[in-house]
Amino acid sequence: MPAKTPYKYGYLVELRAKEKLEQLGAKIVIRSSRSLTPADLVALFPDRREIWLIQVKKMEVKDTSKLKEKFSELATLSGTYTVVPCLFAKNRGRYEFIKLTL
């Protein structure tokens, strides 16, 4: 059996987080592959009207205050947003965003 690379191990932890989010009621979980963004996973909880941005770490957390400081950029995204569902498709030969509001 081949050794797990750091990427593969991180991916497996992300899958575990995705399963846990679904157990908690997330209807949609989006994974940002090889993410260099603040969030590895985005989870939507329509029943609670919440969107979670998740940074996944495979290490054990011993000091949450240091991690909160390290990932403060992610914390700055907290707040209220307007969600605009869209489709990106061709319309009369040109790609455009088409809002899917009711």
PDB file of N, CA and C in Angstrom:
ATOM      1  N   MET A   1       0.845  -1.181   0.000  1.00  0.00           N
ATOM      2  CA  MET A   1       0.000   0.000   0.000  1.00  0.00           C
ATOM      3  C   MET A   1       0.888   1.242   0.000  1.00  0.00           C
ATOM      4  N   PRO A   2       0.641   2.197  -0.930  1.00  0.00           N
ATOM      5  CA  PRO A   2       1.481   3.384  -0.988  1.00  0.00           C
ATOM      6  C   PRO A   2       1.282   4.274   0.241  1.00  0.00           C
ATOM      7  N   ALA A   3       2.344   4.984   0.600  1.00  0.00           N
ATOM      8  CA  ALA A   3       2.282   5.886   1.745  1.00  0.00           C
ATOM      9  C   ALA A   3       1.353   7.051   1.435  1.00  0.00           C
ATOM     10  N   LYS A   4       0.696   7.547   2.468  1.00  0.00           N
ATOM     11  CA  LYS A   4      -0.177   8.701   2.291  1.00  0.00           C
ATOM     12  C   LYS A   4       0.673   9.962   2.218  1.00  0.00           C
ATOM     13  N   THR A   5       0.447  10.748   1.191  1.00  0.00           N
ATOM     14  CA  THR A   5       1.122  12.037   1.080  1.00  0.00           C
ATOM     15  C   THR A   5       0.407  13.027   2.000  1.00  0.00           C
ATOM     16  N   PRO A   6       1.070  14.146   2.351  1.00  0.00           N
ATOM     17  CA  PRO A   6       0.381  15.152   3.165  1.00  0.00           C
ATOM     18  C   PRO A   6      -0.924  15.622   2.511  1.00  0.00           C
ATOM     19  N   TYR A   7      -0.919  15.754   1.176  1.00  0.00           N
ATOM     20  CA  TYR A   7      -2.140  16.165   0.467  1.00  0.00           C
ATOM     21  C   TYR A   7      -3.246  15.125   0.663  1.00  0.00           C
ATOM     22  N   LYS A   8      -2.910  13.852   0.484  1.00  0.00           N
ATOM     23  CA  LYS A   8      -3.897  12.774   0.603  1.00  0.00           C
ATOM     24  C   LYS A   8      -4.452  12.706   2.030  1.00  0.00           C
ATOM     25  N   TYR A   9      -3.568  12.852   3.015  1.00  0.00           N
ATOM     26  CA  TYR A   9      -4.003  12.801   4.407  1.00  0.00           C
ATOM     27  C   TYR A   9      -4.946  13.971   4.704  1.00  0.00           C
ATOM     28  N   GLY A  10      -4.585  15.169   4.227  1.00  0.00           N
ATOM     29  CA  GLY A  10      -5.443  16.339   4.409  1.00  0.00           C
ATOM     30  C   GLY A  10      -6.788  16.154   3.737  1.00  0.00           C
ATOM     31  N   TYR A  11      -6.771  15.563   2.547  1.00  0.00           N
ATOM     32  CA  TYR A  11      -8.006  15.285   1.801  1.00  0.00           C
ATOM     33  C   TYR A  11      -8.914  14.355   2.609  1.00  0.00           C
ATOM     34  N   LEU A  12      -8.329  13.331   3.213  1.00  0.00           N
ATOM     35  CA  LEU A  12      -9.118  12.390   4.010  1.00  0.00           C
ATOM     36  C   LEU A  12      -9.740  13.072   5.230  1.00  0.00           C
ATOM     37  N   VAL A  13      -9.008  14.000   5.841  1.00  0.00           N
ATOM     38  CA  VAL A  13      -9.557  14.747   6.976  1.00  0.00           C
ATOM     39  C   VAL A  13     -10.697  15.652   6.497  1.00  0.00           C
ATOM     40  N   GLU A  14     -10.544  16.247   5.302  1.00  0.00           N
ATOM     41  CA  GLU A  14     -11.618  17.067   4.733  1.00  0.00           C
ATOM     42  C   GLU A  14     -12.872  16.226   4.483  1.00  0.00           C
ATOM     43  N   LEU A  15     -12.699  15.007   3.994  1.00  0.00           N
ATOM     44  CA  LEU A  15     -13.853  14.120   3.780  1.00  0.00           C
ATOM     45  C   LEU A  15     -14.546  13.796   5.102  1.00  0.00           C
ATOM     46  N   ARG A  16     -13.755  13.595   6.144  1.00  0.00           N
ATOM     47  CA  ARG A  16     -14.332  13.334   7.472  1.00  0.00           C
ATOM     48  C   ARG A  16     -15.135  14.556   7.941  1.00  0.00           C
ATOM     49  N   ALA A  17     -14.577  15.749   7.722  1.00  0.00           N
ATOM     50  CA  ALA A  17     -15.283  16.976   8.101  1.00  0.00           C
ATOM     51  C   ALA A  17     -16.579  17.113   7.306  1.00  0.00           C
ATOM     52  N   LYS A  18     -16.528  16.787   6.014  1.00  0.00           N
ATOM     53  CA  LYS A  18     -17.719  16.862   5.150  1.00  0.00           C
ATOM     54  C   LYS A  18     -18.819  15.938   5.672  1.00  0.00           C
ATOM     55  N   GLU A  19     -18.455  14.717   6.029  1.00  0.00           N
ATOM     56  CA  GLU A  19     -19.431  13.770   6.576  1.00  0.00           C
ATOM     57  C   GLU A  19     -20.052  14.303   7.868  1.00  0.00           C
ATOM     58  N   LYS A  20     -19.208  14.871   8.727  1.00  0.00           N
ATOM     59  CA  LYS A  20     -19.693  15.417  10.001  1.00  0.00           C
ATOM     60  C   LYS A  20     -20.641  16.590   9.757  1.00  0.00           C
ATOM     61  N   LEU A  21     -20.299  17.462   8.790  1.00  0.00           N
ATOM     62  CA  LEU A  21     -21.165  18.596   8.459  1.00  0.00           C
ATOM     63  C   LEU A  21     -22.528  18.118   7.965  1.00  0.00           C
ATOM     64  N   GLU A  22     -22.526  17.075   7.149  1.00  0.00           N
ATOM     65  CA  GLU A  22     -23.788  16.516   6.652  1.00  0.00           C
ATOM     66  C   GLU A  22     -24.606  15.925   7.802  1.00  0.00           C
ATOM     67  N   GLN A  23     -23.934  15.296   8.760  1.00  0.00           N
ATOM     68  CA  GLN A  23     -24.631  14.768   9.938  1.00  0.00           C
ATOM     69  C   GLN A  23     -25.243  15.899  10.763  1.00  0.00           C
ATOM     70  N   LEU A  24     -24.585  17.061  10.756  1.00  0.00           N
ATOM     71  CA  LEU A  24     -25.078  18.221  11.497  1.00  0.00           C
ATOM     72  C   LEU A  24     -26.199  18.952  10.760  1.00  0.00           C
ATOM     73  N   GLY A  25     -26.478  18.527   9.514  1.00  0.00           N
ATOM     74  CA  GLY A  25     -27.587  19.110   8.777  1.00  0.00           C
ATOM     75  C   GLY A  25     -27.229  19.945   7.567  1.00  0.00           C
ATOM     76  N   ALA A  26     -25.964  19.997   7.188  1.00  0.00           N
ATOM     77  CA  ALA A  26     -25.582  20.751   5.992  1.00  0.00           C
ATOM     78  C   ALA A  26     -26.195  20.093   4.765  1.00  0.00           C
ATOM     79  N   LYS A  27     -26.832  20.880   3.921  1.00  0.00           N
ATOM     80  CA  LYS A  27     -27.445  20.352   2.697  1.00  0.00           C
ATOM     81  C   LYS A  27     -26.464  20.389   1.532  1.00  0.00           C
ATOM     82  N   ILE A  28     -25.538  21.337   1.563  1.00  0.00           N
ATOM     83  CA  ILE A  28     -24.515  21.462   0.519  1.00  0.00           C
ATOM     84  C   ILE A  28     -23.180  21.677   1.208  1.00  0.00           C
ATOM     85  N   VAL A  29     -22.172  20.900   0.817  1.00  0.00           N
ATOM     86  CA  VAL A  29     -20.804  21.104   1.297  1.00  0.00           C
ATOM     87  C   VAL A  29     -19.911  21.167   0.067  1.00  0.00           C
ATOM     88  N   ILE A  30     -19.198  22.271  -0.072  1.00  0.00           N
ATOM     89  CA  ILE A  30     -18.333  22.492  -1.227  1.00  0.00           C
ATOM     90  C   ILE A  30     -16.887  22.472  -0.760  1.00  0.00           C
ATOM     91  N   ARG A  31     -16.081  21.699  -1.450  1.00  0.00           N
ATOM     92  CA  ARG A  31     -14.660  21.568  -1.121  1.00  0.00           C
ATOM     93  C   ARG A  31     -13.839  22.381  -2.113  1.00  0.00           C
ATOM     94  N   SER A  32     -12.915  23.161  -1.590  1.00  0.00           N
ATOM     95  CA  SER A  32     -12.002  23.935  -2.423  1.00  0.00           C
ATOM     96  C   SER A  32     -10.715  23.132  -2.565  1.00  0.00           C
ATOM     97  N   SER A  33     -10.558  22.456  -3.683  1.00  0.00           N
ATOM     98  CA  SER A  33      -9.423  21.563  -3.913  1.00  0.00           C
ATOM     99  C   SER A  33      -8.096  22.314  -3.889  1.00  0.00           C
ATOM    100  N   ARG A  34      -7.123  21.748  -3.174  1.00  0.00           N
ATOM    101  CA  ARG A  34      -5.792  22.360  -3.033  1.00  0.00           C
ATOM    102  C   ARG A  34      -5.902  23.843  -2.706  1.00  0.00           C
ATOM    103  N   SER A  35      -6.747  24.118  -1.752  1.00  0.00           N
ATOM    104  CA  SER A  35      -7.118  25.487  -1.418  1.00  0.00           C
ATOM    105  C   SER A  35      -5.958  26.310  -0.878  1.00  0.00           C
ATOM    106  N   LEU A  36      -5.811  27.489  -1.448  1.00  0.00           N
ATOM    107  CA  LEU A  36      -4.908  28.494  -0.899  1.00  0.00           C
ATOM    108  C   LEU A  36      -5.737  29.668  -0.400  1.00  0.00           C
ATOM    109  N   THR A  37      -7.025  29.412  -0.199  1.00  0.00           N
ATOM    110  CA  THR A  37      -7.952  30.419   0.296  1.00  0.00           C
ATOM    111  C   THR A  37      -8.153  30.212   1.793  1.00  0.00           C
ATOM    112  N   PRO A  38      -8.794  31.162   2.465  1.00  0.00           N
ATOM    113  CA  PRO A  38      -9.003  31.001   3.909  1.00  0.00           C
ATOM    114  C   PRO A  38      -9.861  29.793   4.284  1.00  0.00           C
ATOM    115  N   ALA A  39     -10.740  29.332   3.382  1.00  0.00           N
ATOM    116  CA  ALA A  39     -11.641  28.226   3.716  1.00  0.00           C
ATOM    117  C   ALA A  39     -11.412  27.024   2.807  1.00  0.00           C
ATOM    118  N   ASP A  40     -11.333  25.837   3.420  1.00  0.00           N
ATOM    119  CA  ASP A  40     -11.218  24.585   2.665  1.00  0.00           C
ATOM    120  C   ASP A  40     -12.597  24.044   2.284  1.00  0.00           C
ATOM    121  N   LEU A  41     -13.565  24.266   3.163  1.00  0.00           N
ATOM    122  CA  LEU A  41     -14.932  23.788   2.940  1.00  0.00           C
ATOM    123  C   LEU A  41     -15.917  24.931   3.162  1.00  0.00           C
ATOM    124  N   VAL A  42     -16.993  24.913   2.410  1.00  0.00           N
ATOM    125  CA  VAL A  42     -18.110  25.839   2.609  1.00  0.00           C
ATOM    126  C   VAL A  42     -19.349  24.968   2.793  1.00  0.00           C
ATOM    127  N   ALA A  43     -20.030  25.156   3.909  1.00  0.00           N
ATOM    128  CA  ALA A  43     -21.213  24.346   4.214  1.00  0.00           C
ATOM    129  C   ALA A  43     -22.436  25.248   4.333  1.00  0.00           C
ATOM    130  N   LEU A  44     -23.523  24.831   3.687  1.00  0.00           N
ATOM    131  CA  LEU A  44     -24.775  25.583   3.734  1.00  0.00           C
ATOM    132  C   LEU A  44     -25.802  24.814   4.549  1.00  0.00           C
ATOM    133  N   PHE A  45     -26.358  25.513   5.527  1.00  0.00           N
ATOM    134  CA  PHE A  45     -27.404  24.975   6.390  1.00  0.00           C
ATOM    135  C   PHE A  45     -28.674  25.798   6.148  1.00  0.00           C
ATOM    136  N   PRO A  46     -29.465  25.466   5.126  1.00  0.00           N
ATOM    137  CA  PRO A  46     -30.648  26.270   4.808  1.00  0.00           C
ATOM    138  C   PRO A  46     -31.664  26.343   5.954  1.00  0.00           C
ATOM    139  N   ASP A  47     -31.825  25.254   6.702  1.00  0.00           N
ATOM    140  CA  ASP A  47     -32.799  25.247   7.799  1.00  0.00           C
ATOM    141  C   ASP A  47     -32.449  26.282   8.865  1.00  0.00           C
ATOM    142  N   ARG A  48     -31.150  26.491   9.085  1.00  0.00           N
ATOM    143  CA  ARG A  48     -30.685  27.462  10.082  1.00  0.00           C
ATOM    144  C   ARG A  48     -30.341  28.810   9.459  1.00  0.00           C
ATOM    145  N   ARG A  49     -30.331  28.837   8.104  1.00  0.00           N
ATOM    146  CA  ARG A  49     -29.929  30.022   7.353  1.00  0.00           C
ATOM    147  C   ARG A  49     -28.503  30.434   7.723  1.00  0.00           C
ATOM    148  N   GLU A  50     -27.612  29.434   7.750  1.00  0.00           N
ATOM    149  CA  GLU A  50     -26.202  29.654   8.079  1.00  0.00           C
ATOM    150  C   GLU A  50     -25.315  29.130   6.963  1.00  0.00           C
ATOM    151  N   ILE A  51     -24.201  29.818   6.788  1.00  0.00           N
ATOM    152  CA  ILE A  51     -23.133  29.366   5.897  1.00  0.00           C
ATOM    153  C   ILE A  51     -21.872  29.311   6.743  1.00  0.00           C
ATOM    154  N   TRP A  52     -21.248  28.151   6.773  1.00  0.00           N
ATOM    155  CA  TRP A  52     -20.005  27.983   7.523  1.00  0.00           C
ATOM    156  C   TRP A  52     -18.836  27.948   6.557  1.00  0.00           C
ATOM    157  N   LEU A  53     -17.777  28.684   6.895  1.00  0.00           N
ATOM    158  CA  LEU A  53     -16.512  28.639   6.167  1.00  0.00           C
ATOM    159  C   LEU A  53     -15.531  27.892   7.061  1.00  0.00           C
ATOM    160  N   ILE A  54     -14.992  26.791   6.582  1.00  0.00           N
ATOM    161  CA  ILE A  54     -14.203  25.899   7.432  1.00  0.00           C
ATOM    162  C   ILE A  54     -12.791  25.743   6.904  1.00  0.00           C
ATOM    163  N   GLN A  55     -11.812  25.954   7.766  1.00  0.00           N
ATOM    164  CA  GLN A  55     -10.414  25.642   7.484  1.00  0.00           C
ATOM    165  C   GLN A  55     -10.148  24.312   8.186  1.00  0.00           C
ATOM    166  N   VAL A  56      -9.708  23.316   7.457  1.00  0.00           N
ATOM    167  CA  VAL A  56      -9.498  21.972   8.005  1.00  0.00           C
ATOM    168  C   VAL A  56      -8.018  21.782   8.315  1.00  0.00           C
ATOM    169  N   LYS A  57      -7.732  21.305   9.519  1.00  0.00           N
ATOM    170  CA  LYS A  57      -6.356  21.017   9.926  1.00  0.00           C
ATOM    171  C   LYS A  57      -6.292  19.596  10.459  1.00  0.00           C
ATOM    172  N   LYS A  58      -5.262  18.875  10.055  1.00  0.00           N
ATOM    173  CA  LYS A  58      -5.130  17.485  10.495  1.00  0.00           C
ATOM    174  C   LYS A  58      -4.473  17.374  11.864  1.00  0.00           C
ATOM    175  N   MET A  59      -3.875  18.473  12.329  1.00  0.00           N
ATOM    176  CA  MET A  59      -3.157  18.435  13.608  1.00  0.00           C
ATOM    177  C   MET A  59      -4.130  18.531  14.779  1.00  0.00           C
ATOM    178  N   GLU A  60      -3.670  18.104  15.931  1.00  0.00           N
ATOM    179  CA  GLU A  60      -4.469  18.242  17.136  1.00  0.00           C
ATOM    180  C   GLU A  60      -4.311  19.660  17.665  1.00  0.00           C
ATOM    181  N   VAL A  61      -5.416  20.256  18.083  1.00  0.00           N
ATOM    182  CA  VAL A  61      -5.402  21.632  18.575  1.00  0.00           C
ATOM    183  C   VAL A  61      -5.157  21.623  20.072  1.00  0.00           C
ATOM    184  N   LYS A  62      -4.063  22.258  20.475  1.00  0.00           N
ATOM    185  CA  LYS A  62      -3.740  22.340  21.899  1.00  0.00           C
ATOM    186  C   LYS A  62      -4.030  23.739  22.439  1.00  0.00           C
ATOM    187  N   ASP A  63      -3.859  24.753  21.589  1.00  0.00           N
ATOM    188  CA  ASP A  63      -4.067  26.138  22.015  1.00  0.00           C
ATOM    189  C   ASP A  63      -4.943  26.845  20.979  1.00  0.00           C
ATOM    190  N   THR A  64      -6.232  26.912  21.251  1.00  0.00           N
ATOM    191  CA  THR A  64      -7.154  27.504  20.273  1.00  0.00           C
ATOM    192  C   THR A  64      -6.910  28.995  20.079  1.00  0.00           C
ATOM    193  N   SER A  65      -6.384  29.687  21.088  1.00  0.00           N
ATOM    194  CA  SER A  65      -6.157  31.129  20.940  1.00  0.00           C
ATOM    195  C   SER A  65      -5.120  31.413  19.855  1.00  0.00           C
ATOM    196  N   LYS A  66      -4.083  30.588  19.770  1.00  0.00           N
ATOM    197  CA  LYS A  66      -3.071  30.779  18.722  1.00  0.00           C
ATOM    198  C   LYS A  66      -3.655  30.498  17.343  1.00  0.00           C
ATOM    199  N   LEU A  67      -4.488  29.468  17.241  1.00  0.00           N
ATOM    200  CA  LEU A  67      -5.114  29.160  15.957  1.00  0.00           C
ATOM    201  C   LEU A  67      -6.097  30.248  15.545  1.00  0.00           C
ATOM    202  N   LYS A  68      -6.844  30.782  16.492  1.00  0.00           N
ATOM    203  CA  LYS A  68      -7.777  31.866  16.175  1.00  0.00           C
ATOM    204  C   LYS A  68      -7.023  33.070  15.631  1.00  0.00           C
ATOM    205  N   GLU A  69      -5.867  33.341  16.200  1.00  0.00           N
ATOM    206  CA  GLU A  69      -5.035  34.455  15.718  1.00  0.00           C
ATOM    207  C   GLU A  69      -4.501  34.155  14.317  1.00  0.00           C
ATOM    208  N   LYS A  70      -4.034  32.934  14.111  1.00  0.00           N
ATOM    209  CA  LYS A  70      -3.469  32.544  12.819  1.00  0.00           C
ATOM    210  C   LYS A  70      -4.507  32.625  11.703  1.00  0.00           C
ATOM    211  N   PHE A  71      -5.744  32.283  12.006  1.00  0.00           N
ATOM    212  CA  PHE A  71      -6.797  32.274  10.995  1.00  0.00           C
ATOM    213  C   PHE A  71      -7.761  33.445  11.161  1.00  0.00           C
ATOM    214  N   SER A  72      -7.242  34.571  11.610  1.00  0.00           N
ATOM    215  CA  SER A  72      -8.085  35.752  11.821  1.00  0.00           C
ATOM    216  C   SER A  72      -8.698  36.253  10.516  1.00  0.00           C
ATOM    217  N   GLU A  73      -8.023  36.028   9.379  1.00  0.00           N
ATOM    218  CA  GLU A  73      -8.576  36.444   8.087  1.00  0.00           C
ATOM    219  C   GLU A  73      -9.921  35.757   7.846  1.00  0.00           C
ATOM    220  N   LEU A  74     -10.010  34.508   8.205  1.00  0.00           N
ATOM    221  CA  LEU A  74     -11.260  33.765   8.056  1.00  0.00           C
ATOM    222  C   LEU A  74     -12.340  34.370   8.957  1.00  0.00           C
ATOM    223  N   ALA A  75     -11.956  34.744  10.168  1.00  0.00           N
ATOM    224  CA  ALA A  75     -12.913  35.322  11.117  1.00  0.00           C
ATOM    225  C   ALA A  75     -13.463  36.656  10.620  1.00  0.00           C
ATOM    226  N   THR A  76     -12.677  37.406   9.852  1.00  0.00           N
ATOM    227  CA  THR A  76     -13.158  38.700   9.348  1.00  0.00           C
ATOM    228  C   THR A  76     -14.303  38.539   8.352  1.00  0.00           C
ATOM    229  N   LEU A  77     -14.508  37.343   7.831  1.00  0.00           N
ATOM    230  CA  LEU A  77     -15.589  37.105   6.874  1.00  0.00           C
ATOM    231  C   LEU A  77     -16.941  36.883   7.552  1.00  0.00           C
ATOM    232  N   SER A  78     -16.945  36.845   8.878  1.00  0.00           N
ATOM    233  CA  SER A  78     -18.189  36.660   9.612  1.00  0.00           C
ATOM    234  C   SER A  78     -19.106  37.861   9.377  1.00  0.00           C
ATOM    235  N   GLY A  79     -20.391  37.605   9.278  1.00  0.00           N
ATOM    236  CA  GLY A  79     -21.331  38.704   9.093  1.00  0.00           C
ATOM    237  C   GLY A  79     -22.555  38.269   8.320  1.00  0.00           C
ATOM    238  N   THR A  80     -23.340  39.245   7.918  1.00  0.00           N
ATOM    239  CA  THR A  80     -24.568  38.999   7.178  1.00  0.00           C
ATOM    240  C   THR A  80     -24.343  39.299   5.710  1.00  0.00           C
ATOM    241  N   TYR A  81     -24.784  38.384   4.863  1.00  0.00           N
ATOM    242  CA  TYR A  81     -24.611  38.517   3.421  1.00  0.00           C
ATOM    243  C   TYR A  81     -25.947  38.305   2.725  1.00  0.00           C
ATOM    244  N   THR A  82     -26.045  38.848   1.541  1.00  0.00           N
ATOM    245  CA  THR A  82     -27.170  38.546   0.672  1.00  0.00           C
ATOM    246  C   THR A  82     -26.727  37.430  -0.254  1.00  0.00           C
ATOM    247  N   VAL A  83     -27.486  36.359  -0.285  1.00  0.00           N
ATOM    248  CA  VAL A  83     -27.151  35.218  -1.140  1.00  0.00           C
ATOM    249  C   VAL A  83     -27.880  35.390  -2.471  1.00  0.00           C
ATOM    250  N   VAL A  84     -27.122  35.328  -3.558  1.00  0.00           N
ATOM    251  CA  VAL A  84     -27.694  35.486  -4.894  1.00  0.00           C
ATOM    252  C   VAL A  84     -27.385  34.230  -5.701  1.00  0.00           C
ATOM    253  N   PRO A  85     -28.352  33.307  -5.821  1.00  0.00           N
ATOM    254  CA  PRO A  85     -28.119  32.108  -6.626  1.00  0.00           C
ATOM    255  C   PRO A  85     -28.094  32.483  -8.105  1.00  0.00           C
ATOM    256  N   CYS A  86     -27.074  32.000  -8.811  1.00  0.00           N
ATOM    257  CA  CYS A  86     -26.893  32.344 -10.225  1.00  0.00           C
ATOM    258  C   CYS A  86     -26.523  31.120 -11.044  1.00  0.00           C
ATOM    259  N   LEU A  87     -26.759  31.253 -12.318  1.00  0.00           N
ATOM    260  CA  LEU A  87     -26.322  30.288 -13.318  1.00  0.00           C
ATOM    261  C   LEU A  87     -25.365  31.038 -14.234  1.00  0.00           C
ATOM    262  N   PHE A  88     -24.244  30.432 -14.602  1.00  0.00           N
ATOM    263  CA  PHE A  88     -23.317  31.038 -15.562  1.00  0.00           C
ATOM    264  C   PHE A  88     -23.433  30.227 -16.836  1.00  0.00           C
ATOM    265  N   ALA A  89     -24.044  30.822 -17.855  1.00  0.00           N
ATOM    266  CA  ALA A  89     -24.317  30.081 -19.085  1.00  0.00           C
ATOM    267  C   ALA A  89     -24.372  31.045 -20.261  1.00  0.00           C
ATOM    268  N   LYS A  90     -24.377  30.447 -21.452  1.00  0.00           N
ATOM    269  CA  LYS A  90     -24.484  31.254 -22.668  1.00  0.00           C
ATOM    270  C   LYS A  90     -25.913  31.753 -22.839  1.00  0.00           C
ATOM    271  N   ASN A  91     -26.010  33.001 -23.205  1.00  0.00           N
ATOM    272  CA  ASN A  91     -27.288  33.616 -23.526  1.00  0.00           C
ATOM    273  C   ASN A  91     -27.056  34.467 -24.769  1.00  0.00           C
ATOM    274  N   ARG A  92     -27.662  34.068 -25.869  1.00  0.00           N
ATOM    275  CA  ARG A  92     -27.474  34.737 -27.162  1.00  0.00           C
ATOM    276  C   ARG A  92     -25.996  34.785 -27.554  1.00  0.00           C
ATOM    277  N   GLY A  93     -25.317  33.661 -27.347  1.00  0.00           N
ATOM    278  CA  GLY A  93     -23.934  33.523 -27.788  1.00  0.00           C
ATOM    279  C   GLY A  93     -22.874  34.069 -26.850  1.00  0.00           C
ATOM    280  N   ARG A  94     -23.270  34.637 -25.712  1.00  0.00           N
ATOM    281  CA  ARG A  94     -22.298  35.201 -24.763  1.00  0.00           C
ATOM    282  C   ARG A  94     -22.546  34.625 -23.373  1.00  0.00           C
ATOM    283  N   TYR A  95     -21.449  34.338 -22.674  1.00  0.00           N
ATOM    284  CA  TYR A  95     -21.588  33.849 -21.304  1.00  0.00           C
ATOM    285  C   TYR A  95     -21.954  35.005 -20.388  1.00  0.00           C
ATOM    286  N   GLU A  96     -22.869  34.718 -19.479  1.00  0.00           N
ATOM    287  CA  GLU A  96     -23.257  35.734 -18.509  1.00  0.00           C
ATOM    288  C   GLU A  96     -23.819  35.060 -17.265  1.00  0.00           C
ATOM    289  N   PHE A  97     -23.883  35.826 -16.187  1.00  0.00           N
ATOM    290  CA  PHE A  97     -24.516  35.353 -14.961  1.00  0.00           C
ATOM    291  C   PHE A  97     -26.010  35.620 -15.062  1.00  0.00           C
ATOM    292  N   ILE A  98     -26.805  34.599 -14.797  1.00  0.00           N
ATOM    293  CA  ILE A  98     -28.259  34.715 -14.829  1.00  0.00           C
ATOM    294  C   ILE A  98     -28.757  34.468 -13.408  1.00  0.00           C
ATOM    295  N   LYS A  99     -29.347  35.488 -12.798  1.00  0.00           N
ATOM    296  CA  LYS A  99     -29.829  35.363 -11.422  1.00  0.00           C
ATOM    297  C   LYS A  99     -31.030  34.425 -11.379  1.00  0.00           C
ATOM    298  N   LEU A 100     -31.031  33.540 -10.385  1.00  0.00           N
ATOM    299  CA  LEU A 100     -32.077  32.522 -10.244  1.00  0.00           C
ATOM    300  C   LEU A 100     -33.031  32.850  -9.103  1.00  0.00           C
ATOM    301  N   THR A 101     -33.396  34.093  -8.966  1.00  0.00           N
ATOM    302  CA  THR A 101     -34.306  34.482  -7.891  1.00  0.00           C
ATOM    303  C   THR A 101     -35.739  34.166  -8.282  1.00  0.00           C
ATOM    304  N   LEU A 102     -36.564  33.908  -7.270  1.00  0.00           N
ATOM    305  CA  LEU A 102     -37.981  33.575  -7.508  1.00  0.00           C
ATOM    306  C   LEU A 102     -38.818  34.823  -7.583  1.00  0.00           C
TER     307      LEU A 102
END
